[in-house]
Amino acid sequence: MKRLLNIVDWHEMLPIHLAAKLGNLSFMSDFLDYTENSWVRDRWGRTVFYLAACRGHEGVLRWLIHKKLTTKDLICGDELSQRSPAHFAALYEHKDSFNLIMDHYGLDRILE
């Protein structure tokens, strides 16, 4: 398993990025048993928090928040669009994910 942790695709996504994108909380938890590298960004500056929010994976977002694996810099936008995870959760109509982000971080922190 440990050998797979640093394999990247052409988007420079690690396995933990793909797990967040797919909502695979079990893999994310296993991944973090071997490394604390939840802060890494892909080629476009997207974090695991960002990818989970874009896909509406509320369980992953809640887990990341609970584990304190998010900080202000992890909720900022990607390098291409400069939109935050909250923006994309709203754009794709993931109401529960949007509300979770807003309840936990508050509008002022997201828009700073």
N, C-alpha and C. Protein backbone atom coordinates (compact mmCIF):
# COMPACT_ATOMS: atom_id res chain seq x y z
N MET A 1 0.83 -1.20 0.00
CA MET A 1 0.00 0.00 0.00
C MET A 1 0.86 1.25 0.00
N LYS A 2 1.90 1.23 0.82
CA LYS A 2 2.73 2.43 0.96
C LYS A 2 3.34 2.86 -0.38
N ARG A 3 3.65 1.92 -1.25
CA ARG A 3 4.23 2.26 -2.56
C ARG A 3 3.24 3.00 -3.43
N LEU A 4 1.94 2.78 -3.23
CA LEU A 4 0.91 3.41 -4.05
C LEU A 4 0.61 4.85 -3.64
N LEU A 5 1.04 5.25 -2.47
CA LEU A 5 0.64 6.55 -1.92
C LEU A 5 1.10 7.74 -2.73
N ASN A 6 2.24 7.62 -3.40
CA ASN A 6 2.79 8.77 -4.11
C ASN A 6 2.69 8.67 -5.62
N ILE A 7 1.89 7.74 -6.13
CA ILE A 7 1.66 7.65 -7.57
C ILE A 7 0.77 8.81 -7.97
N VAL A 8 1.16 9.51 -9.03
CA VAL A 8 0.36 10.63 -9.50
C VAL A 8 -0.09 10.39 -10.93
N ASP A 9 -1.24 10.97 -11.29
CA ASP A 9 -1.70 10.89 -12.68
C ASP A 9 -1.28 12.16 -13.40
N TRP A 10 -1.74 12.35 -14.62
CA TRP A 10 -1.31 13.51 -15.40
C TRP A 10 -1.88 14.83 -14.86
N HIS A 11 -2.85 14.77 -13.95
CA HIS A 11 -3.36 15.96 -13.27
C HIS A 11 -2.58 16.22 -11.99
N GLU A 12 -1.54 15.39 -11.75
CA GLU A 12 -0.77 15.42 -10.52
C GLU A 12 -1.64 15.14 -9.31
N MET A 13 -2.64 14.28 -9.50
CA MET A 13 -3.51 13.86 -8.41
C MET A 13 -2.94 12.60 -7.77
N LEU A 14 -2.89 12.63 -6.45
CA LEU A 14 -2.50 11.45 -5.68
C LEU A 14 -3.73 10.57 -5.46
N PRO A 15 -3.54 9.35 -5.01
CA PRO A 15 -4.69 8.50 -4.72
C PRO A 15 -5.69 9.14 -3.75
N ILE A 16 -5.22 9.93 -2.80
CA ILE A 16 -6.14 10.56 -1.85
C ILE A 16 -7.04 11.58 -2.56
N HIS A 17 -6.53 12.24 -3.61
CA HIS A 17 -7.36 13.15 -4.40
C HIS A 17 -8.49 12.39 -5.08
N LEU A 18 -8.14 11.28 -5.70
CA LEU A 18 -9.15 10.48 -6.39
C LEU A 18 -10.17 9.93 -5.40
N ALA A 19 -9.72 9.50 -4.23
CA ALA A 19 -10.64 8.99 -3.21
C ALA A 19 -11.61 10.09 -2.78
N ALA A 20 -11.13 11.31 -2.60
CA ALA A 20 -12.00 12.42 -2.22
C ALA A 20 -13.00 12.72 -3.32
N LYS A 21 -12.53 12.70 -4.55
CA LYS A 21 -13.38 12.97 -5.71
C LYS A 21 -14.50 11.93 -5.83
N LEU A 22 -14.18 10.69 -5.50
CA LEU A 22 -15.15 9.60 -5.60
C LEU A 22 -15.94 9.39 -4.31
N GLY A 23 -15.55 10.10 -3.25
CA GLY A 23 -16.25 9.96 -1.97
C GLY A 23 -15.89 8.70 -1.22
N ASN A 24 -14.69 8.17 -1.46
CA ASN A 24 -14.27 6.92 -0.84
C ASN A 24 -13.58 7.21 0.50
N LEU A 25 -14.39 7.36 1.51
CA LEU A 25 -13.90 7.70 2.84
C LEU A 25 -13.03 6.60 3.44
N SER A 26 -13.34 5.36 3.16
CA SER A 26 -12.56 4.24 3.68
C SER A 26 -11.12 4.31 3.18
N PHE A 27 -10.94 4.57 1.88
CA PHE A 27 -9.58 4.68 1.34
C PHE A 27 -8.86 5.89 1.92
N MET A 28 -9.58 6.99 2.05
CA MET A 28 -8.94 8.20 2.59
C MET A 28 -8.43 7.94 4.00
N SER A 29 -9.23 7.27 4.80
CA SER A 29 -8.82 6.94 6.16
C SER A 29 -7.60 6.04 6.16
N ASP A 30 -7.61 5.01 5.31
CA ASP A 30 -6.46 4.11 5.19
C ASP A 30 -5.22 4.87 4.72
N PHE A 31 -5.40 5.74 3.76
CA PHE A 31 -4.30 6.54 3.22
C PHE A 31 -3.64 7.35 4.33
N LEU A 32 -4.46 7.96 5.17
CA LEU A 32 -3.91 8.81 6.22
C LEU A 32 -3.33 8.02 7.38
N ASP A 33 -3.56 6.69 7.40
CA ASP A 33 -2.87 5.85 8.37
C ASP A 33 -1.38 5.76 8.03
N TYR A 34 -1.05 5.95 6.75
CA TYR A 34 0.33 5.83 6.29
C TYR A 34 1.03 7.18 6.14
N THR A 35 0.28 8.23 5.97
CA THR A 35 0.86 9.55 5.76
C THR A 35 -0.12 10.62 6.22
N GLU A 36 0.37 11.78 6.53
CA GLU A 36 -0.50 12.89 6.89
C GLU A 36 -0.58 13.89 5.75
N ASN A 37 -0.39 13.43 4.56
CA ASN A 37 -0.30 14.30 3.39
C ASN A 37 -1.67 14.65 2.81
N SER A 38 -2.57 15.15 3.64
CA SER A 38 -3.89 15.56 3.14
C SER A 38 -3.85 16.99 2.62
N TRP A 39 -2.72 17.67 2.79
CA TRP A 39 -2.62 19.09 2.42
C TRP A 39 -2.21 19.29 0.97
N VAL A 40 -1.75 18.26 0.33
CA VAL A 40 -1.19 18.38 -1.01
C VAL A 40 -2.25 18.81 -2.02
N ARG A 41 -1.81 19.58 -3.00
CA ARG A 41 -2.69 20.07 -4.06
C ARG A 41 -2.32 19.40 -5.38
N ASP A 42 -3.30 19.30 -6.27
CA ASP A 42 -3.00 18.75 -7.59
C ASP A 42 -2.47 19.87 -8.50
N ARG A 43 -2.32 19.57 -9.77
CA ARG A 43 -1.76 20.52 -10.73
C ARG A 43 -2.48 21.87 -10.73
N TRP A 44 -3.77 21.87 -10.48
CA TRP A 44 -4.56 23.10 -10.53
C TRP A 44 -4.84 23.69 -9.15
N GLY A 45 -4.14 23.21 -8.15
CA GLY A 45 -4.28 23.77 -6.81
C GLY A 45 -5.46 23.23 -6.02
N ARG A 46 -6.04 22.13 -6.48
CA ARG A 46 -7.21 21.57 -5.79
C ARG A 46 -6.78 20.65 -4.65
N THR A 47 -7.44 20.79 -3.52
CA THR A 47 -7.18 19.94 -2.36
C THR A 47 -8.24 18.85 -2.28
N VAL A 48 -8.07 17.93 -1.33
CA VAL A 48 -9.08 16.89 -1.15
C VAL A 48 -10.41 17.49 -0.70
N PHE A 49 -10.34 18.55 0.11
CA PHE A 49 -11.57 19.23 0.55
C PHE A 49 -12.30 19.83 -0.64
N TYR A 50 -11.57 20.46 -1.51
CA TYR A 50 -12.12 21.08 -2.71
C TYR A 50 -12.80 20.02 -3.60
N LEU A 51 -12.11 18.92 -3.85
CA LEU A 51 -12.66 17.87 -4.71
C LEU A 51 -13.91 17.23 -4.13
N ALA A 52 -13.92 17.01 -2.83
CA ALA A 52 -15.11 16.45 -2.18
C ALA A 52 -16.28 17.42 -2.25
N ALA A 53 -16.02 18.70 -2.09
CA ALA A 53 -17.09 19.71 -2.15
C ALA A 53 -17.68 19.80 -3.55
N CYS A 54 -16.83 19.74 -4.56
CA CYS A 54 -17.30 19.81 -5.95
C CYS A 54 -18.24 18.66 -6.29
N ARG A 55 -18.01 17.51 -5.68
CA ARG A 55 -18.82 16.33 -5.96
C ARG A 55 -19.95 16.12 -4.95
N GLY A 56 -20.00 16.98 -3.93
CA GLY A 56 -21.08 16.88 -2.95
C GLY A 56 -20.94 15.73 -1.98
N HIS A 57 -19.72 15.35 -1.66
CA HIS A 57 -19.47 14.25 -0.73
C HIS A 57 -19.44 14.80 0.70
N GLU A 58 -20.63 15.00 1.23
CA GLU A 58 -20.76 15.61 2.56
C GLU A 58 -20.06 14.78 3.63
N GLY A 59 -20.12 13.47 3.53
CA GLY A 59 -19.46 12.62 4.52
C GLY A 59 -17.96 12.83 4.56
N VAL A 60 -17.34 12.98 3.40
CA VAL A 60 -15.90 13.23 3.32
C VAL A 60 -15.60 14.61 3.91
N LEU A 61 -16.39 15.61 3.56
CA LEU A 61 -16.18 16.95 4.09
C LEU A 61 -16.29 16.95 5.61
N ARG A 62 -17.32 16.31 6.10
CA ARG A 62 -17.55 16.24 7.56
C ARG A 62 -16.37 15.54 8.25
N TRP A 63 -15.88 14.46 7.63
CA TRP A 63 -14.75 13.72 8.19
C TRP A 63 -13.49 14.58 8.21
N LEU A 64 -13.22 15.29 7.12
CA LEU A 64 -12.04 16.16 7.05
C LEU A 64 -12.12 17.26 8.11
N ILE A 65 -13.30 17.82 8.28
CA ILE A 65 -13.49 18.86 9.30
C ILE A 65 -13.29 18.26 10.69
N HIS A 66 -13.90 17.11 10.94
CA HIS A 66 -13.79 16.46 12.24
C HIS A 66 -12.34 16.11 12.58
N LYS A 67 -11.61 15.64 11.60
CA LYS A 67 -10.21 15.26 11.80
C LYS A 67 -9.29 16.48 11.83
N LYS A 68 -9.88 17.67 11.65
CA LYS A 68 -9.11 18.92 11.61
C LYS A 68 -8.07 18.89 10.49
N LEU A 69 -8.47 18.31 9.35
CA LEU A 69 -7.57 18.24 8.20
C LEU A 69 -7.87 19.35 7.19
N THR A 70 -8.55 20.37 7.64
CA THR A 70 -8.79 21.51 6.78
C THR A 70 -8.37 22.76 7.53
N THR A 71 -7.90 23.71 6.80
CA THR A 71 -7.56 25.01 7.37
C THR A 71 -8.06 26.04 6.37
N LYS A 72 -7.84 27.27 6.70
CA LYS A 72 -8.28 28.34 5.80
C LYS A 72 -7.69 28.15 4.40
N ASP A 73 -6.40 27.77 4.31
CA ASP A 73 -5.84 27.63 2.96
C ASP A 73 -6.41 26.43 2.21
N LEU A 74 -6.95 25.47 2.91
CA LEU A 74 -7.52 24.32 2.23
C LEU A 74 -8.91 24.59 1.68
N ILE A 75 -9.53 25.67 2.12
CA ILE A 75 -10.87 25.96 1.60
C ILE A 75 -10.83 27.06 0.55
N CYS A 76 -9.63 27.55 0.22
CA CYS A 76 -9.55 28.58 -0.81
C CYS A 76 -9.74 27.97 -2.19
N GLY A 77 -9.88 28.81 -3.18
CA GLY A 77 -10.19 28.34 -4.52
C GLY A 77 -9.02 27.70 -5.24
N ASP A 78 -9.35 27.10 -6.37
CA ASP A 78 -8.31 26.52 -7.20
C ASP A 78 -7.61 27.63 -7.96
N GLU A 79 -6.51 27.28 -8.61
CA GLU A 79 -5.73 28.29 -9.30
C GLU A 79 -6.35 28.76 -10.61
N LEU A 80 -7.21 27.96 -11.21
CA LEU A 80 -7.81 28.33 -12.48
C LEU A 80 -8.98 29.30 -12.32
N SER A 81 -9.93 28.93 -11.48
CA SER A 81 -11.15 29.73 -11.39
C SER A 81 -11.17 30.67 -10.20
N GLN A 82 -10.31 30.44 -9.23
CA GLN A 82 -10.29 31.22 -8.00
C GLN A 82 -11.62 31.12 -7.24
N ARG A 83 -12.35 30.05 -7.43
CA ARG A 83 -13.59 29.82 -6.69
C ARG A 83 -13.32 28.83 -5.56
N SER A 84 -13.99 29.03 -4.46
CA SER A 84 -13.79 28.18 -3.29
C SER A 84 -14.63 26.91 -3.42
N PRO A 85 -14.36 25.92 -2.55
CA PRO A 85 -15.21 24.73 -2.51
C PRO A 85 -16.68 25.08 -2.28
N ALA A 86 -16.95 26.10 -1.48
CA ALA A 86 -18.34 26.51 -1.24
C ALA A 86 -18.99 26.99 -2.54
N HIS A 87 -18.24 27.72 -3.37
CA HIS A 87 -18.77 28.17 -4.65
C HIS A 87 -19.20 26.99 -5.51
N PHE A 88 -18.33 25.98 -5.59
CA PHE A 88 -18.64 24.83 -6.43
C PHE A 88 -19.75 23.96 -5.85
N ALA A 89 -19.80 23.84 -4.53
CA ALA A 89 -20.90 23.10 -3.91
C ALA A 89 -22.23 23.77 -4.26
N ALA A 90 -22.26 25.09 -4.23
CA ALA A 90 -23.48 25.83 -4.58
C ALA A 90 -23.77 25.71 -6.08
N LEU A 91 -22.74 25.87 -6.91
CA LEU A 91 -22.90 25.81 -8.36
C LEU A 91 -23.50 24.48 -8.81
N TYR A 92 -23.02 23.39 -8.21
CA TYR A 92 -23.51 22.07 -8.59
C TYR A 92 -24.69 21.60 -7.74
N GLU A 93 -25.25 22.53 -6.97
CA GLU A 93 -26.46 22.30 -6.17
C GLU A 93 -26.30 21.19 -5.13
N HIS A 94 -25.13 21.15 -4.52
CA HIS A 94 -24.89 20.21 -3.41
C HIS A 94 -25.21 20.97 -2.13
N LYS A 95 -26.50 21.09 -1.83
CA LYS A 95 -26.97 21.93 -0.73
C LYS A 95 -26.40 21.50 0.62
N ASP A 96 -26.39 20.21 0.88
CA ASP A 96 -25.90 19.75 2.18
C ASP A 96 -24.42 20.06 2.37
N SER A 97 -23.64 19.88 1.31
CA SER A 97 -22.22 20.19 1.38
C SER A 97 -22.00 21.69 1.55
N PHE A 98 -22.75 22.47 0.79
CA PHE A 98 -22.65 23.92 0.91
C PHE A 98 -22.99 24.38 2.33
N ASN A 99 -24.10 23.87 2.85
CA ASN A 99 -24.52 24.26 4.20
C ASN A 99 -23.50 23.85 5.26
N LEU A 100 -22.91 22.67 5.09
CA LEU A 100 -21.89 22.21 6.03
C LEU A 100 -20.70 23.17 6.03
N ILE A 101 -20.25 23.54 4.84
CA ILE A 101 -19.11 24.46 4.73
C ILE A 101 -19.48 25.80 5.36
N MET A 102 -20.66 26.30 5.06
CA MET A 102 -21.07 27.60 5.59
C MET A 102 -21.24 27.54 7.11
N ASP A 103 -21.83 26.46 7.60
CA ASP A 103 -22.02 26.33 9.06
C ASP A 103 -20.69 26.25 9.79
N HIS A 104 -19.75 25.53 9.20
CA HIS A 104 -18.48 25.34 9.90
C HIS A 104 -17.53 26.52 9.76
N TYR A 105 -17.42 27.06 8.56
CA TYR A 105 -16.43 28.11 8.31
C TYR A 105 -17.02 29.51 8.28
N GLY A 106 -18.28 29.63 7.93
CA GLY A 106 -18.90 30.95 7.86
C GLY A 106 -18.55 31.66 6.57
N LEU A 107 -19.45 32.47 6.11
CA LEU A 107 -19.29 33.15 4.83
C LEU A 107 -18.06 34.07 4.80
N ASP A 108 -17.81 34.79 5.87
CA ASP A 108 -16.71 35.74 5.85
C ASP A 108 -15.35 35.05 5.68
N ARG A 109 -15.17 33.87 6.25
CA ARG A 109 -13.90 33.16 6.08
C ARG A 109 -13.71 32.65 4.68
N ILE A 110 -14.79 32.25 4.03
CA ILE A 110 -14.68 31.71 2.69
C ILE A 110 -14.40 32.81 1.67
N LEU A 111 -14.94 33.97 1.90
CA LEU A 111 -14.78 35.06 0.93
C LEU A 111 -13.56 35.92 1.17
N GLU A 112 -12.77 35.66 2.22
CA GLU A 112 -11.59 36.47 2.47
C GLU A 112 -10.58 36.34 1.36
